[in-house]
Structures are given as structure tokens and as C-alpha cells.
Protein backbone atom coordinates (compact mmCIF):
# COMPACT_ATOMS: atom_id res chain seq x y z
CA MET A 1 69.18 -125.51 67.92
CA LYS A 2 70.77 -125.10 64.29
CA LYS A 3 69.22 -121.55 65.13
CA GLY A 4 71.32 -121.25 68.43
CA LEU A 5 74.67 -122.57 66.69
CA VAL A 6 74.31 -119.95 64.25
CA ILE A 7 74.16 -116.68 66.49
CA THR A 8 76.85 -118.72 68.69
CA ALA A 9 79.48 -118.63 66.08
CA THR A 10 78.53 -115.51 64.49
CA LEU A 11 78.57 -113.32 68.19
CA LEU A 12 82.20 -115.42 68.29
CA ALA A 13 83.61 -114.30 65.05
CA VAL A 14 82.99 -111.19 65.31
CA LEU A 15 84.05 -111.08 68.72
CA THR A 16 87.41 -112.18 67.47
CA ALA A 17 87.22 -109.62 65.08
CA GLY A 18 86.89 -106.55 67.39
CA ILE A 19 89.62 -108.18 69.68
CA LEU A 20 91.95 -108.20 66.68
CA PHE A 21 90.81 -104.15 65.01
CA LEU A 22 92.05 -103.57 68.94
CA TYR A 23 95.47 -105.21 69.10
CA ALA A 24 96.08 -104.38 65.95
CA GLU A 25 95.02 -100.44 66.99
CA GLU A 26 96.82 -100.23 70.25
CA LYS A 27 100.18 -101.99 68.03
CA ALA A 28 100.37 -100.15 65.09
CA PRO A 29 103.90 -98.21 64.69
CA PRO A 30 104.47 -94.87 65.32
CA LYS A 31 105.32 -92.46 62.21
CA GLU A 32 108.03 -90.19 63.85
CA LEU A 33 109.99 -90.54 67.25
CA THR A 34 111.82 -87.44 68.58
CA PHE A 35 114.70 -88.72 71.44
CA GLU A 36 115.43 -85.19 73.26
CA ALA A 37 119.35 -84.37 73.29
CA LYS A 38 120.93 -81.04 74.79
CA ASN A 39 123.04 -80.22 71.31
CA GLY A 40 119.66 -81.43 69.28
CA ASN A 41 116.59 -83.49 69.08
CA VAL A 42 116.61 -86.65 66.93
CA THR A 43 113.16 -87.76 65.38
CA PHE A 44 113.56 -91.04 64.03
CA ASN A 45 111.17 -91.49 61.67
CA HIS A 46 109.45 -94.96 61.44
CA GLU A 47 108.83 -94.76 57.98
CA THR A 48 111.98 -93.94 56.42
CA HIS A 49 113.31 -97.12 58.16
CA VAL A 50 110.83 -99.51 57.39
CA ALA A 51 111.37 -99.10 53.99
CA ALA A 52 115.60 -99.46 53.91
CA ALA A 53 115.26 -102.86 55.81
CA LYS A 54 112.43 -103.59 53.28
CA GLY A 55 109.90 -104.08 55.94
CA ASP A 56 111.58 -107.21 57.65
CA CYS A 57 110.75 -105.81 61.18
CA LYS A 58 112.79 -108.32 62.49
CA ALA A 59 116.00 -106.65 61.22
CA CYS A 60 115.68 -104.19 65.17
CA HIS A 61 112.52 -105.83 66.32
CA PRO A 62 113.12 -107.05 69.19
CA THR A 63 117.25 -107.50 69.18
CA LEU A 64 117.96 -104.16 68.60
CA PHE A 65 115.14 -102.15 69.77
CA LYS A 66 111.69 -102.81 71.90
CA GLN A 67 108.65 -102.64 70.45
CA GLU A 68 107.76 -99.48 72.81
CA LYS A 69 109.39 -96.13 72.94
CA ALA A 70 112.65 -97.04 75.33
CA PRO A 71 115.70 -95.43 76.03
CA LEU A 72 118.24 -96.29 73.14
CA GLY A 73 120.57 -96.57 74.86
CA TYR A 74 122.96 -94.77 71.85
CA LYS A 75 124.44 -91.67 74.10
CA GLU A 76 127.31 -93.38 75.94
CA GLY A 77 130.49 -92.36 74.57
CA MET A 78 129.22 -90.41 71.80
CA HIS A 79 127.54 -92.79 70.47
CA LYS A 80 131.48 -94.81 70.10
CA LYS A 81 130.26 -97.59 72.60
CA ALA A 82 126.82 -98.57 70.43
CA GLU A 83 129.24 -98.56 67.03
CA GLU A 84 131.95 -100.28 68.27
CA GLY A 85 129.20 -103.47 70.05
CA LYS A 86 126.30 -102.89 67.12
CA THR A 87 123.90 -102.27 69.00
CA SER A 88 121.43 -99.46 69.04
CA CYS A 89 121.66 -97.58 66.04
CA GLY A 90 124.88 -98.42 65.91
CA ALA A 91 124.28 -101.64 64.55
CA CYS A 92 123.39 -100.22 60.91
CA HIS A 93 125.02 -96.73 61.63
CA HIS A 94 128.64 -97.34 62.06
CA ALA A 95 131.96 -96.69 59.51
CA GLY A 96 130.72 -99.66 57.02
CA GLY A 97 127.62 -99.90 58.39
CA THR A 98 123.97 -100.34 55.91
CA ALA A 99 123.54 -96.31 57.28
CA PHE A 100 125.89 -93.14 56.83
CA GLU A 101 128.44 -93.54 60.03
CA THR A 102 128.24 -90.79 62.80
CA LYS A 103 131.47 -89.55 62.58
CA GLY A 104 130.98 -86.20 60.91
CA ASN A 105 127.14 -86.46 60.64
CA CYS A 106 125.12 -84.99 63.50
CA ALA A 107 123.61 -83.14 62.07
CA LYS A 108 121.70 -85.89 60.28
CA CYS A 109 120.57 -86.95 63.31
CA HIS A 110 120.81 -83.79 65.83
CA VAL A 111 118.28 -80.62 65.34
CA LYS A 112 118.24 -77.58 67.45
CA LYS A 113 115.02 -75.52 67.14
């Protein structure tokens, strides 16, 4: 009886560890995301932004962005709508925000190859 419980507990522990490992692998954030744009693609460096947020994922997720690659909703009105509404990238990237404003800084994000 004891042997059966030990085996069952061991199998359960191994199964749980395996599931947690797979879940962690699936949810690992990408290092970079690239969004195509006519005036030059934008490569979003996730690690840089995580460092700027001091590791606080909730600064952006899920309020500003889903935790999956999705449209950013930042293109409308040459970014003006997102900046005024403090949505998407405009939550930080606006005049007086915690990051550089976009006005006059197009080349910081948009890179033509």
C-alpha cells in the first residue's frame, strides 16, 4: 500500500513538473518583435522594455497589450490618437511621458533596409 502511494506521488510530481516546464516554455516572451511599416519596419526589443519597466510585466500586460503578437493599434493618425489616449506605445511614448516622444524621432523606431 505504501509503495503504491509513493509511486503515485512520484508520478504526480513528475507529471506536474513536466506540465509546468511546458507551460513556461510556451509563455517565454520573445526577445524581439518586428512590425512591418511602409516608412521602415519597427523592431520592438522586449528585453529593453522589460528593463525600463523594472521587470513589472503588468506595466503593459494585459492592459496595453495582450501577451501575444497582435496589432498594436498605434498607426492611426500618425500615432497621435494613441499618444492622446495613452494607449498602445503612446502610453509611454508621448510628450512628457516616461519614454521619448515620437514627434521628430521617427528613425528611433522605423528602420528602412
